[in-house]
Amino acid sequence: MKNLIFVDCEASGPVMGIGELTEFGAVHYPSRATFHGVLIEHNPKEVFQKFSEWLDKVCVGSKPIFISDNPAFDWQWINYGFWHYLGRNPFGHSARRIGDFYAGLIGDFRDSQSWKGLRITSHDHNPVHDAMGNLEAFVRLLNGENKKIKSRKK
């Protein structure tokens, strides 16, 4: 697996029109290279252009795959930003949810949250930290730590 981009967004409200994307963080797997997009203090078009360039650099000509704790929230902001400012979205039209991956690993569709206990970097609403913690948990899942989480629930 390569060119997985773990993304976390922070916004001033729940959806566009009620709030605005304030910042976002992205972490590339497997390199762990990071990108921090701050929109409040910068030109959003320039931020999305730099993000696109960063994706090109870390993905080396391959399509990036959007991964998030909650794509229903995070995806909307990134998808809108790319389409609004650049007229395209390098991620295409889909995203992956870590909780669904975890639920499939343990065979329990209802448990899509316990994986969060595998984060190493604290979830502190700095979007780069939050995306890194999600990547760390994902790597631990890939290394077989999912069974330990399930056994803790019993």
Protein backbone atom coordinates (compact mmCIF):
# COMPACT_ATOMS: atom_id res chain seq x y z
CA MET A 1 0.00 0.00 0.00
CA LYS A 2 1.21 3.45 -0.81
CA ASN A 3 -0.04 6.97 -1.32
CA LEU A 4 -2.60 6.84 1.45
CA ILE A 5 -3.24 10.40 2.62
CA PHE A 6 -4.64 10.67 6.14
CA VAL A 7 -6.61 13.92 6.40
CA ASP A 8 -8.20 15.81 9.29
CA CYS A 9 -10.14 19.07 8.98
CA GLU A 10 -11.05 21.76 11.48
CA ALA A 11 -13.92 24.11 10.70
CA SER A 12 -15.97 26.83 12.32
CA GLY A 13 -19.23 24.98 11.71
CA PRO A 14 -20.71 21.64 10.66
CA VAL A 15 -21.04 22.25 6.89
CA MET A 16 -20.21 24.79 4.21
CA GLY A 17 -22.58 27.71 4.35
CA ILE A 18 -22.92 27.41 8.13
CA GLY A 19 -19.20 27.32 8.80
CA GLU A 20 -15.85 27.63 7.07
CA LEU A 21 -12.85 25.34 6.80
CA THR A 22 -10.24 26.96 9.02
CA GLU A 23 -7.37 24.50 8.63
CA PHE A 24 -6.55 20.93 7.67
CA GLY A 25 -3.72 18.50 8.06
CA ALA A 26 -2.56 15.65 5.86
CA VAL A 27 -0.04 12.87 6.44
CA HIS A 28 1.30 10.61 3.68
CA TYR A 29 1.66 6.87 4.19
CA PRO A 30 4.20 5.39 4.21
CA SER A 31 6.61 8.36 4.36
CA ARG A 32 4.78 10.26 7.14
CA ALA A 33 5.43 13.54 5.32
CA THR A 34 2.99 16.20 6.51
CA PHE A 35 1.08 19.14 5.10
CA HIS A 36 -0.68 21.83 7.16
CA GLY A 37 -3.17 24.00 5.33
CA VAL A 38 -4.19 27.13 7.22
CA LEU A 39 -6.95 28.99 5.41
CA ILE A 40 -7.85 31.75 7.87
CA GLU A 41 -4.55 33.58 7.50
CA HIS A 42 -3.82 32.69 3.87
CA ASN A 43 -5.36 32.78 0.42
CA PRO A 44 -7.43 29.54 0.18
CA LYS A 45 -6.67 29.12 -3.53
CA GLU A 46 -2.94 29.25 -2.79
CA VAL A 47 -3.34 26.78 0.09
CA PHE A 48 -5.14 24.27 -2.15
CA GLN A 49 -2.60 24.81 -4.92
CA LYS A 50 0.24 24.09 -2.48
CA PHE A 51 -1.64 21.03 -1.19
CA SER A 52 -2.03 19.76 -4.76
CA GLU A 53 1.69 20.28 -5.38
CA TRP A 54 2.54 18.47 -2.12
CA LEU A 55 0.31 15.54 -3.16
CA ASP A 56 2.11 15.37 -6.52
CA LYS A 57 5.46 15.36 -4.73
CA VAL A 58 4.69 12.68 -2.13
CA CYS A 59 2.61 10.46 -4.44
CA VAL A 60 5.12 10.60 -7.32
CA GLY A 61 2.65 10.47 -10.21
CA SER A 62 0.17 8.07 -8.56
CA LYS A 63 -3.35 8.91 -7.44
CA PRO A 64 -3.61 9.69 -3.71
CA ILE A 65 -6.17 7.82 -1.60
CA PHE A 66 -8.09 9.92 0.93
CA ILE A 67 -8.28 8.31 4.39
CA SER A 68 -10.07 9.87 7.35
CA ASP A 69 -11.53 9.19 10.76
CA ASN A 70 -14.77 10.70 9.45
CA PRO A 71 -14.88 11.28 5.68
CA ALA A 72 -18.49 12.43 5.94
CA PHE A 73 -17.06 15.55 7.58
CA ASP A 74 -13.48 15.85 6.32
CA TRP A 75 -14.14 14.89 2.69
CA GLN A 76 -16.74 17.60 2.10
CA TRP A 77 -14.30 20.39 2.93
CA ILE A 78 -11.38 19.07 0.89
CA ASN A 79 -13.53 18.08 -2.08
CA TYR A 80 -15.20 21.49 -2.13
CA GLY A 81 -11.88 23.33 -1.74
CA PHE A 82 -10.25 21.52 -4.62
CA TRP A 83 -13.22 21.90 -6.95
CA HIS A 84 -13.93 25.52 -5.99
CA TYR A 85 -10.36 26.78 -6.18
CA LEU A 86 -8.66 24.45 -8.70
CA GLY A 87 -11.51 22.93 -10.72
CA ARG A 88 -10.45 19.36 -9.92
CA ASN A 89 -9.92 17.00 -7.01
CA PRO A 90 -6.76 14.85 -7.14
CA PHE A 91 -8.45 12.31 -4.85
CA GLY A 92 -11.21 11.66 -7.35
CA HIS A 93 -14.67 10.93 -5.98
CA SER A 94 -14.11 8.63 -3.03
CA ALA A 95 -12.65 8.36 0.44
CA ARG A 96 -11.94 5.59 2.93
CA ARG A 97 -12.95 5.47 6.60
CA ILE A 98 -10.56 4.00 9.17
CA GLY A 99 -13.43 2.83 11.38
CA ASP A 100 -14.87 0.74 8.55
CA PHE A 101 -11.47 -0.85 7.93
CA TYR A 102 -11.22 -1.68 11.63
CA ALA A 103 -14.76 -3.05 11.84
CA GLY A 104 -13.99 -5.35 8.94
CA LEU A 105 -10.77 -6.55 10.56
CA ILE A 106 -12.51 -7.55 13.78
CA GLY A 107 -15.69 -8.78 12.10
CA ASP A 108 -17.98 -6.45 14.08
CA PHE A 109 -19.74 -3.89 11.87
CA ARG A 110 -21.00 -1.99 14.93
CA ASP A 111 -17.55 -1.35 16.42
CA SER A 112 -16.04 1.43 14.37
CA GLN A 113 -14.50 3.43 17.22
CA SER A 114 -12.27 1.19 19.37
CA TRP A 115 -9.33 1.57 16.97
CA LYS A 116 -8.87 5.11 18.31
CA GLY A 117 -7.18 3.59 21.37
CA LEU A 118 -4.20 2.79 19.12
CA ARG A 119 -3.34 6.41 18.41
CA ILE A 120 0.10 7.42 19.67
CA THR A 121 -0.02 11.15 18.92
CA SER A 122 -2.68 12.76 21.09
CA HIS A 123 -5.93 13.85 19.46
CA ASP A 124 -5.75 17.58 20.29
CA HIS A 125 -7.58 19.15 17.32
CA ASN A 126 -4.37 20.24 15.67
CA PRO A 127 -5.25 18.69 12.31
CA VAL A 128 -1.69 17.52 11.57
CA HIS A 129 -1.47 15.81 14.98
CA ASP A 130 -4.91 14.25 14.55
CA ALA A 131 -4.08 12.95 11.06
CA MET A 132 -0.76 11.57 12.36
CA GLY A 133 -2.49 9.80 15.24
CA ASN A 134 -4.90 8.22 12.77
CA LEU A 135 -2.02 7.07 10.57
CA GLU A 136 -0.25 5.60 13.61
CA ALA A 137 -3.36 3.68 14.63
CA PHE A 138 -3.76 2.40 11.06
CA VAL A 139 -0.16 1.16 11.00
CA ARG A 140 -0.74 -0.64 14.30
CA LEU A 141 -3.84 -2.25 12.81
CA LEU A 142 -1.79 -3.39 9.81
CA ASN A 143 0.70 -4.90 12.26
CA GLY A 144 -2.04 -7.01 13.85
CA GLU A 145 -2.91 -5.05 16.97
CA ASN A 146 -6.64 -5.21 16.20
CA LYS A 147 -7.06 -8.39 18.25
CA LYS A 148 -5.78 -6.64 21.37
CA ILE A 149 -8.40 -3.92 21.05
CA LYS A 150 -11.23 -6.41 20.61
CA SER A 151 -10.15 -8.43 23.63
CA ARG A 152 -10.16 -5.25 25.79
CA LYS A 153 -13.87 -4.80 25.10
CA LYS A 154 -14.83 -8.11 26.76
